[in-house]
PDB file of N, CA and C in Angstrom:
ATOM      1  N   UNK A   1       0.820  -1.198   0.000  1.00  0.00           N
ATOM      2  CA  UNK A   1       0.000   0.000   0.000  1.00  0.00           C
ATOM      3  C   UNK A   1       0.866   1.266   0.000  1.00  0.00           C
ATOM      4  N   UNK A   2       1.889   1.275   0.861  1.00  0.00           N
ATOM      5  CA  UNK A   2       2.735   2.467   0.930  1.00  0.00           C
ATOM      6  C   UNK A   2       3.527   2.648  -0.362  1.00  0.00           C
ATOM      7  N   UNK A   3       3.801   1.539  -1.064  1.00  0.00           N
ATOM      8  CA  UNK A   3       4.499   1.645  -2.340  1.00  0.00           C
ATOM      9  C   UNK A   3       3.617   2.342  -3.371  1.00  0.00           C
ATOM     10  N   UNK A   4       2.314   2.046  -3.366  1.00  0.00           N
ATOM     11  CA  UNK A   4       1.356   2.696  -4.277  1.00  0.00           C
ATOM     12  C   UNK A   4       1.260   4.182  -3.980  1.00  0.00           C
ATOM     13  N   UNK A   5       1.224   4.524  -2.714  1.00  0.00           N
ATOM     14  CA  UNK A   5       1.145   5.935  -2.319  1.00  0.00           C
ATOM     15  C   UNK A   5       2.412   6.660  -2.751  1.00  0.00           C
ATOM     16  N   UNK A   6       3.549   6.002  -2.595  1.00  0.00           N
ATOM     17  CA  UNK A   6       4.819   6.599  -3.019  1.00  0.00           C
ATOM     18  C   UNK A   6       4.847   6.855  -4.514  1.00  0.00           C
ATOM     19  N   UNK A   7       4.329   5.909  -5.304  1.00  0.00           N
ATOM     20  CA  UNK A   7       4.283   6.084  -6.761  1.00  0.00           C
ATOM     21  C   UNK A   7       3.360   7.227  -7.156  1.00  0.00           C
ATOM     22  N   UNK A   8       2.206   7.290  -6.503  1.00  0.00           N
ATOM     23  CA  UNK A   8       1.258   8.368  -6.796  1.00  0.00           C
ATOM     24  C   UNK A   8       1.867   9.720  -6.438  1.00  0.00           C
ATOM     25  N   UNK A   9       2.531   9.802  -5.302  1.00  0.00           N
ATOM     26  CA  UNK A   9       3.147  11.070  -4.900  1.00  0.00           C
ATOM     27  C   UNK A   9       4.251  11.472  -5.872  1.00  0.00           C
ATOM     28  N   UNK A  10       5.041  10.498  -6.328  1.00  0.00           N
ATOM     29  CA  UNK A  10       6.085  10.784  -7.304  1.00  0.00           C
ATOM     30  C   UNK A  10       5.476  11.307  -8.600  1.00  0.00           C
ATOM     31  N   UNK A  11       4.380  10.697  -9.042  1.00  0.00           N
ATOM     32  CA  UNK A  11       3.689  11.137 -10.251  1.00  0.00           C
ATOM     33  C   UNK A  11       3.172  12.566 -10.087  1.00  0.00           C
ATOM     34  N   UNK A  12       2.547  12.867  -8.972  1.00  0.00           N
ATOM     35  CA  UNK A  12       2.002  14.210  -8.718  1.00  0.00           C
ATOM     36  C   UNK A  12       3.125  15.248  -8.712  1.00  0.00           C
ATOM     37  N   UNK A  13       4.216  14.963  -8.014  1.00  0.00           N
ATOM     38  CA  UNK A  13       5.315  15.924  -7.964  1.00  0.00           C
ATOM     39  C   UNK A  13       5.971  16.104  -9.333  1.00  0.00           C
ATOM     40  N   UNK A  14       6.022  15.021 -10.108  1.00  0.00           N
ATOM     41  CA  UNK A  14       6.564  15.132 -11.465  1.00  0.00           C
ATOM     42  C   UNK A  14       5.699  16.030 -12.328  1.00  0.00           C
ATOM     43  N   UNK A  15       4.391  15.880 -12.232  1.00  0.00           N
ATOM     44  CA  UNK A  15       3.477  16.725 -13.001  1.00  0.00           C
ATOM     45  C   UNK A  15       3.574  18.185 -12.578  1.00  0.00           C
ATOM     46  N   UNK A  16       3.707  18.418 -11.290  1.00  0.00           N
ATOM     47  CA  UNK A  16       3.840  19.787 -10.789  1.00  0.00           C
ATOM     48  C   UNK A  16       5.098  20.439 -11.365  1.00  0.00           C
ATOM     49  N   UNK A  17       6.157  19.662 -11.539  1.00  0.00           N
ATOM     50  CA  UNK A  17       7.415  20.203 -12.057  1.00  0.00           C
ATOM     51  C   UNK A  17       7.381  20.392 -13.566  1.00  0.00           C
ATOM     52  N   UNK A  18       6.663  19.534 -14.301  1.00  0.00           N
ATOM     53  CA  UNK A  18       6.708  19.538 -15.756  1.00  0.00           C
ATOM     54  C   UNK A  18       5.635  20.422 -16.380  1.00  0.00           C
ATOM     55  N   UNK A  19       4.435  20.404 -15.880  1.00  0.00           N
ATOM     56  CA  UNK A  19       3.309  21.099 -16.511  1.00  0.00           C
ATOM     57  C   UNK A  19       3.540  22.598 -16.674  1.00  0.00           C
ATOM     58  N   UNK A  20       4.028  23.344 -15.691  1.00  0.00           N
ATOM     59  CA  UNK A  20       4.252  24.779 -15.926  1.00  0.00           C
ATOM     60  C   UNK A  20       5.227  25.053 -17.063  1.00  0.00           C
ATOM     61  N   UNK A  21       6.250  24.210 -17.226  1.00  0.00           N
ATOM     62  CA  UNK A  21       7.199  24.377 -18.320  1.00  0.00           C
ATOM     63  C   UNK A  21       6.555  24.181 -19.673  1.00  0.00           C
ATOM     64  N   UNK A  22       5.623  23.252 -19.760  1.00  0.00           N
ATOM     65  CA  UNK A  22       4.921  23.007 -21.022  1.00  0.00           C
ATOM     66  C   UNK A  22       4.088  24.221 -21.394  1.00  0.00           C
ATOM     67  N   UNK A  23       3.371  24.789 -20.435  1.00  0.00           N
ATOM     68  CA  UNK A  23       2.558  25.970 -20.720  1.00  0.00           C
ATOM     69  C   UNK A  23       3.424  27.180 -21.027  1.00  0.00           C
ATOM     70  N   UNK A  24       4.573  27.307 -20.401  1.00  0.00           N
ATOM     71  CA  UNK A  24       5.467  28.429 -20.677  1.00  0.00           C
ATOM     72  C   UNK A  24       5.985  28.360 -22.102  1.00  0.00           C
ATOM     73  N   UNK A  25       6.280  27.161 -22.597  1.00  0.00           N
ATOM     74  CA  UNK A  25       6.744  27.029 -23.970  1.00  0.00           C
ATOM     75  C   UNK A  25       5.650  27.396 -24.952  1.00  0.00           C
ATOM     76  N   UNK A  26       4.403  27.082 -24.640  1.00  0.00           N
ATOM     77  CA  UNK A  26       3.296  27.416 -25.537  1.00  0.00           C
ATOM     78  C   UNK A  26       3.129  28.921 -25.643  1.00  0.00           C
ATOM     79  N   UNK A  27       3.403  29.653 -24.565  1.00  0.00           N
ATOM     80  CA  UNK A  27       3.252  31.103 -24.573  1.00  0.00           C
ATOM     81  C   UNK A  27       4.362  31.801 -25.348  1.00  0.00           C
ATOM     82  N   UNK A  28       5.465  31.129 -25.604  1.00  0.00           N
ATOM     83  CA  UNK A  28       6.582  31.774 -26.272  1.00  0.00           C
ATOM     84  C   UNK A  28       6.573  31.576 -27.783  1.00  0.00           C
ATOM     85  N   UNK A  29       5.552  30.924 -28.304  1.00  0.00           N
ATOM     86  CA  UNK A  29       5.456  30.753 -29.753  1.00  0.00           C
ATOM     87  C   UNK A  29       5.068  32.087 -30.383  1.00  0.00           C
ATOM     88  N   UNK A  30       5.796  32.517 -31.413  1.00  0.00           N
ATOM     89  CA  UNK A  30       5.473  33.802 -32.033  1.00  0.00           C
ATOM     90  C   UNK A  30       4.103  33.781 -32.714  1.00  0.00           C
ATOM     91  N   UNK A  31       3.440  34.903 -32.654  1.00  0.00           N
ATOM     92  CA  UNK A  31       2.160  35.101 -33.321  1.00  0.00           C
ATOM     93  C   UNK A  31       2.430  35.950 -34.556  1.00  0.00           C
ATOM     94  N   UNK A  32       1.839  35.600 -35.700  1.00  0.00           N
ATOM     95  CA  UNK A  32       2.030  36.377 -36.921  1.00  0.00           C
ATOM     96  C   UNK A  32       0.870  37.344 -37.089  1.00  0.00           C
ATOM     97  N   UNK A  33       1.207  38.612 -37.261  1.00  0.00           N
ATOM     98  CA  UNK A  33       0.215  39.659 -37.495  1.00  0.00           C
ATOM     99  C   UNK A  33       0.412  40.173 -38.913  1.00  0.00           C
ATOM    100  N   UNK A  34      -0.668  40.213 -39.684  1.00  0.00           N
ATOM    101  CA  UNK A  34      -0.614  40.719 -41.055  1.00  0.00           C
ATOM    102  C   UNK A  34      -1.468  41.970 -41.145  1.00  0.00           C
ATOM    103  N   UNK A  35      -1.031  42.910 -41.980  1.00  0.00           N
ATOM    104  CA  UNK A  35      -1.813  44.115 -42.176  1.00  0.00           C
ATOM    105  C   UNK A  35      -1.083  45.149 -43.005  1.00  0.00           C
ATOM    106  N   UNK A  36      -1.720  46.307 -43.107  1.00  0.00           N
ATOM    107  CA  UNK A  36      -1.147  47.425 -43.862  1.00  0.00           C
ATOM    108  C   UNK A  36      -0.306  48.280 -42.933  1.00  0.00           C
ATOM    109  N   UNK A  37       0.913  48.579 -43.364  1.00  0.00           N
ATOM    110  CA  UNK A  37       1.791  49.461 -42.599  1.00  0.00           C
ATOM    111  C   UNK A  37       1.328  50.895 -42.841  1.00  0.00           C
ATOM    112  N   UNK A  38       0.795  51.526 -41.795  1.00  0.00           N
ATOM    113  CA  UNK A  38       0.293  52.891 -41.928  1.00  0.00           C
ATOM    114  C   UNK A  38       1.397  53.928 -41.780  1.00  0.00           C
ATOM    115  N   UNK A  39       2.234  53.742 -40.754  1.00  0.00           N
ATOM    116  CA  UNK A  39       3.324  54.702 -40.553  1.00  0.00           C
ATOM    117  C   UNK A  39       4.405  54.101 -39.661  1.00  0.00           C
ATOM    118  N   UNK A  40       5.556  54.766 -39.707  1.00  0.00           N
ATOM    119  CA  UNK A  40       6.682  54.402 -38.856  1.00  0.00           C
ATOM    120  C   UNK A  40       7.053  55.650 -38.076  1.00  0.00           C
ATOM    121  N   UNK A  41       6.983  55.546 -36.751  1.00  0.00           N
ATOM    122  CA  UNK A  41       7.319  56.679 -35.881  1.00  0.00           C
ATOM    123  C   UNK A  41       8.443  56.242 -34.962  1.00  0.00           C
ATOM    124  N   UNK A  42       9.670  56.525 -35.387  1.00  0.00           N
ATOM    125  CA  UNK A  42      10.833  56.086 -34.610  1.00  0.00           C
ATOM    126  C   UNK A  42      10.950  54.576 -34.643  1.00  0.00           C
ATOM    127  N   UNK A  43      10.844  53.949 -33.467  1.00  0.00           N
ATOM    128  CA  UNK A  43      10.936  52.492 -33.399  1.00  0.00           C
ATOM    129  C   UNK A  43       9.565  51.825 -33.278  1.00  0.00           C
ATOM    130  N   UNK A  44       8.502  52.563 -33.603  1.00  0.00           N
ATOM    131  CA  UNK A  44       7.137  52.027 -33.541  1.00  0.00           C
ATOM    132  C   UNK A  44       6.545  51.970 -34.944  1.00  0.00           C
ATOM    133  N   UNK A  45       6.122  50.774 -35.327  1.00  0.00           N
ATOM    134  CA  UNK A  45       5.437  50.556 -36.604  1.00  0.00           C
ATOM    135  C   UNK A  45       3.951  50.461 -36.307  1.00  0.00           C
ATOM    136  N   UNK A  46       3.143  51.258 -37.007  1.00  0.00           N
ATOM    137  CA  UNK A  46       1.697  51.250 -36.801  1.00  0.00           C
ATOM    138  C   UNK A  46       1.064  50.499 -37.963  1.00  0.00           C
ATOM    139  N   UNK A  47       0.349  49.431 -37.624  1.00  0.00           N
ATOM    140  CA  UNK A  47      -0.246  48.545 -38.619  1.00  0.00           C
ATOM    141  C   UNK A  47      -1.760  48.509 -38.423  1.00  0.00           C
ATOM    142  N   UNK A  48      -2.486  48.486 -39.526  1.00  0.00           N
ATOM    143  CA  UNK A  48      -3.923  48.226 -39.481  1.00  0.00           C
ATOM    144  C   UNK A  48      -4.076  46.762 -39.871  1.00  0.00           C
ATOM    145  N   UNK A  49      -4.456  45.892 -38.893  1.00  0.00           N
ATOM    146  CA  UNK A  49      -4.504  44.465 -39.173  1.00  0.00           C
ATOM    147  C   UNK A  49      -5.730  44.104 -40.008  1.00  0.00           C
ATOM    148  N   UNK A  50      -5.860  42.835 -40.340  1.00  0.00           N
ATOM    149  CA  UNK A  50      -6.918  42.389 -41.247  1.00  0.00           C
ATOM    150  C   UNK A  50      -8.320  42.609 -40.692  1.00  0.00           C
ATOM    151  N   UNK A  51      -8.450  42.719 -39.365  1.00  0.00           N
ATOM    152  CA  UNK A  51      -9.765  42.973 -38.770  1.00  0.00           C
ATOM    153  C   UNK A  51     -10.041  44.467 -38.605  1.00  0.00           C
ATOM    154  N   UNK A  52      -9.091  45.308 -39.021  1.00  0.00           N
ATOM    155  CA  UNK A  52      -9.293  46.757 -38.961  1.00  0.00           C
ATOM    156  C   UNK A  52      -8.764  47.421 -37.705  1.00  0.00           C
ATOM    157  N   UNK A  53      -8.176  46.659 -36.800  1.00  0.00           N
ATOM    158  CA  UNK A  53      -7.633  47.238 -35.562  1.00  0.00           C
ATOM    159  C   UNK A  53      -6.247  47.821 -35.808  1.00  0.00           C
ATOM    160  N   UNK A  54      -5.926  48.881 -35.076  1.00  0.00           N
ATOM    161  CA  UNK A  54      -4.577  49.447 -35.121  1.00  0.00           C
ATOM    162  C   UNK A  54      -3.690  48.672 -34.159  1.00  0.00           C
ATOM    163  N   UNK A  55      -2.530  48.264 -34.644  1.00  0.00           N
ATOM    164  CA  UNK A  55      -1.570  47.522 -33.836  1.00  0.00           C
ATOM    165  C   UNK A  55      -0.273  48.324 -33.824  1.00  0.00           C
ATOM    166  N   UNK A  56       0.253  48.568 -32.632  1.00  0.00           N
ATOM    167  CA  UNK A  56       1.495  49.311 -32.466  1.00  0.00           C
ATOM    168  C   UNK A  56       2.599  48.313 -32.136  1.00  0.00           C
ATOM    169  N   UNK A  57       3.592  48.223 -33.001  1.00  0.00           N
ATOM    170  CA  UNK A  57       4.686  47.280 -32.818  1.00  0.00           C
ATOM    171  C   UNK A  57       5.983  48.028 -32.551  1.00  0.00           C
ATOM    172  N   UNK A  58       6.581  47.753 -31.421  1.00  0.00           N
ATOM    173  CA  UNK A  58       7.865  48.390 -31.079  1.00  0.00           C
ATOM    174  C   UNK A  58       8.991  47.444 -31.496  1.00  0.00           C
ATOM    175  N   UNK A  59       9.825  47.924 -32.392  1.00  0.00           N
ATOM    176  CA  UNK A  59      10.956  47.124 -32.867  1.00  0.00           C
ATOM    177  C   UNK A  59      12.221  47.533 -32.125  1.00  0.00           C
ATOM    178  N   UNK A  60      13.210  46.668 -32.162  1.00  0.00           N
ATOM    179  CA  UNK A  60      14.496  46.989 -31.550  1.00  0.00           C
ATOM    180  C   UNK A  60      15.622  46.482 -32.449  1.00  0.00           C
ATOM    181  N   UNK A  61      16.829  46.578 -31.980  1.00  0.00           N
ATOM    182  CA  UNK A  61      17.978  46.191 -32.807  1.00  0.00           C
ATOM    183  C   UNK A  61      18.000  44.701 -33.111  1.00  0.00           C
ATOM    184  N   UNK A  62      17.260  43.888 -32.355  1.00  0.00           N
ATOM    185  CA  UNK A  62      17.227  42.447 -32.575  1.00  0.00           C
ATOM    186  C   UNK A  62      16.125  42.009 -33.535  1.00  0.00           C
ATOM    187  N   UNK A  63      15.253  42.932 -33.947  1.00  0.00           N
ATOM    188  CA  UNK A  63      14.175  42.596 -34.871  1.00  0.00           C
ATOM    189  C   UNK A  63      14.768  42.335 -36.251  1.00  0.00           C
ATOM    190  N   UNK A  64      14.465  41.162 -36.816  1.00  0.00           N
ATOM    191  CA  UNK A  64      14.957  40.824 -38.161  1.00  0.00           C
ATOM    192  C   UNK A  64      14.067  41.503 -39.199  1.00  0.00           C
ATOM    193  N   UNK A  65      14.697  42.112 -40.181  1.00  0.00           N
ATOM    194  CA  UNK A  65      13.978  42.751 -41.286  1.00  0.00           C
ATOM    195  C   UNK A  65      14.621  42.326 -42.589  1.00  0.00           C
ATOM    196  N   UNK A  66      13.805  41.916 -43.559  1.00  0.00           N
ATOM    197  CA  UNK A  66      14.339  41.513 -44.863  1.00  0.00           C
ATOM    198  C   UNK A  66      14.860  42.718 -45.630  1.00  0.00           C
ATOM    199  N   UNK A  67      14.155  43.831 -45.497  1.00  0.00           N
ATOM    200  CA  UNK A  67      14.539  45.059 -46.197  1.00  0.00           C
ATOM    201  C   UNK A  67      13.806  46.221 -45.550  1.00  0.00           C
ATOM    202  N   UNK A  68      14.088  47.414 -46.027  1.00  0.00           N
ATOM    203  CA  UNK A  68      13.400  48.601 -45.534  1.00  0.00           C
ATOM    204  C   UNK A  68      11.934  48.537 -45.946  1.00  0.00           C
ATOM    205  N   UNK A  69      11.049  48.703 -44.994  1.00  0.00           N
ATOM    206  CA  UNK A  69       9.618  48.685 -45.274  1.00  0.00           C
ATOM    207  C   UNK A  69       9.099  50.111 -45.356  1.00  0.00           C
ATOM    208  N   UNK A  70       8.123  50.325 -46.215  1.00  0.00           N
ATOM    209  CA  UNK A  70       7.573  51.660 -46.427  1.00  0.00           C
ATOM    210  C   UNK A  70       6.081  51.689 -46.116  1.00  0.00           C
ATOM    211  N   UNK A  71       5.595  52.805 -45.571  1.00  0.00           N
ATOM    212  CA  UNK A  71       4.154  52.922 -45.331  1.00  0.00           C
ATOM    213  C   UNK A  71       3.374  52.663 -46.621  1.00  0.00           C
ATOM    214  N   UNK A  72       2.241  51.972 -46.456  1.00  0.00           N
ATOM    215  CA  UNK A  72       1.416  51.607 -47.593  1.00  0.00           C
ATOM    216  C   UNK A  72       1.579  50.157 -48.000  1.00  0.00           C
ATOM    217  N   UNK A  73       2.680  49.528 -47.559  1.00  0.00           N
ATOM    218  CA  UNK A  73       2.916  48.132 -47.888  1.00  0.00           C
ATOM    219  C   UNK A  73       2.127  47.218 -46.960  1.00  0.00           C
ATOM    220  N   UNK A  74       1.811  46.024 -47.471  1.00  0.00           N
ATOM    221  CA  UNK A  74       1.268  44.985 -46.610  1.00  0.00           C
ATOM    222  C   UNK A  74       2.449  44.234 -46.014  1.00  0.00           C
ATOM    223  N   UNK A  75       2.409  44.045 -44.691  1.00  0.00           N
ATOM    224  CA  UNK A  75       3.531  43.389 -44.023  1.00  0.00           C
ATOM    225  C   UNK A  75       3.033  42.288 -43.101  1.00  0.00           C
ATOM    226  N   UNK A  76       3.976  41.444 -42.690  1.00  0.00           N
ATOM    227  CA  UNK A  76       3.760  40.421 -41.681  1.00  0.00           C
ATOM    228  C   UNK A  76       4.759  40.671 -40.562  1.00  0.00           C
ATOM    229  N   UNK A  77       4.306  40.480 -39.327  1.00  0.00           N
ATOM    230  CA  UNK A  77       5.192  40.637 -38.177  1.00  0.00           C
ATOM    231  C   UNK A  77       5.062  39.413 -37.289  1.00  0.00           C
ATOM    232  N   UNK A  78       6.182  38.824 -36.923  1.00  0.00           N
ATOM    233  CA  UNK A  78       6.208  37.738 -35.947  1.00  0.00           C
ATOM    234  C   UNK A  78       6.449  38.372 -34.585  1.00  0.00           C
ATOM    235  N   UNK A  79       5.494  38.171 -33.670  1.00  0.00           N
ATOM    236  CA  UNK A  79       5.518  38.867 -32.387  1.00  0.00           C
ATOM    237  C   UNK A  79       5.429  37.860 -31.240  1.00  0.00           C
ATOM    238  N   UNK A  80       6.282  38.022 -30.250  1.00  0.00           N
ATOM    239  CA  UNK A  80       6.135  37.302 -28.998  1.00  0.00           C
ATOM    240  C   UNK A  80       5.228  38.167 -28.131  1.00  0.00           C
ATOM    241  N   UNK A  81       3.993  37.727 -27.872  1.00  0.00           N
ATOM    242  CA  UNK A  81       3.026  38.565 -27.165  1.00  0.00           C
ATOM    243  C   UNK A  81       3.572  39.130 -25.859  1.00  0.00           C
ATOM    244  N   UNK A  82       3.471  40.430 -25.723  1.00  0.00           N
ATOM    245  CA  UNK A  82       3.914  41.108 -24.519  1.00  0.00           C
ATOM    246  C   UNK A  82       5.415  41.225 -24.382  1.00  0.00           C
ATOM    247  N   UNK A  83       6.149  40.757 -25.399  1.00  0.00           N
ATOM    248  CA  UNK A  83       7.604  40.770 -25.273  1.00  0.00           C
ATOM    249  C   UNK A  83       8.227  41.669 -26.333  1.00  0.00           C
ATOM    250  N   UNK A  84       8.228  41.200 -27.589  1.00  0.00           N
ATOM    251  CA  UNK A  84       8.888  41.989 -28.618  1.00  0.00           C
ATOM    252  C   UNK A  84       8.531  41.488 -30.008  1.00  0.00           C
ATOM    253  N   UNK A  85       8.902  42.289 -31.009  1.00  0.00           N
ATOM    254  CA  UNK A  85       8.728  41.923 -32.414  1.00  0.00           C
ATOM    255  C   UNK A  85       9.974  41.155 -32.831  1.00  0.00           C
ATOM    256  N   UNK A  86       9.795  39.931 -33.296  1.00  0.00           N
ATOM    257  CA  UNK A  86      10.921  39.082 -33.676  1.00  0.00           C
ATOM    258  C   UNK A  86      11.352  39.380 -35.114  1.00  0.00           C
ATOM    259  N   UNK A  87      10.356  39.520 -36.037  1.00  0.00           N
ATOM    260  CA  UNK A  87      10.692  39.725 -37.448  1.00  0.00           C
ATOM    261  C   UNK A  87       9.612  40.527 -38.146  1.00  0.00           C
ATOM    262  N   UNK A  88      10.041  41.318 -39.134  1.00  0.00           N
ATOM    263  CA  UNK A  88       9.137  42.086 -40.004  1.00  0.00           C
ATOM    264  C   UNK A  88       9.497  41.766 -41.434  1.00  0.00           C
ATOM    265  N   UNK A  89       8.479  41.597 -42.289  1.00  0.00           N
ATOM    266  CA  UNK A  89       8.743  41.316 -43.687  1.00  0.00           C
ATOM    267  C   UNK A  89       7.531  41.726 -44.529  1.00  0.00           C
ATOM    268  N   UNK A  90       7.751  42.008 -45.808  1.00  0.00           N
ATOM    269  CA  UNK A  90       6.615  42.314 -46.684  1.00  0.00           C
ATOM    270  C   UNK A  90       5.830  41.036 -46.979  1.00  0.00           C
ATOM    271  N   UNK A  91       4.536  41.171 -47.205  1.00  0.00           N
ATOM    272  CA  UNK A  91       3.707  40.023 -47.586  1.00  0.00           C
ATOM    273  C   UNK A  91       4.057  39.672 -49.012  1.00  0.00           C
ATOM    274  N   UNK A  92       4.228  38.400 -49.279  1.00  0.00           N
ATOM    275  CA  UNK A  92       4.598  37.957 -50.625  1.00  0.00           C
ATOM    276  C   UNK A  92       3.402  37.439 -51.359  1.00  0.00           C
TER     277      UNK A  92
END
């Protein structure tokens, strides 16, 4: 009986240690935002997404860009929610 309880406790503690890591990895997957680039104000790109909402993207020196983007272009942005813009590129 005590061996069964020990196994169950080991399983519970293992799940407690592993499950938060699994959810943390799911939150770090980049989200792709597509839309029209309305303007660039310093390090902030203002995009009107496909649903019509304005999205403000703050870029930094680590943001990958294929080339210089210009207002009026359709672009895609890979974003880590609440963290940073990973990449910007024109829609192909």
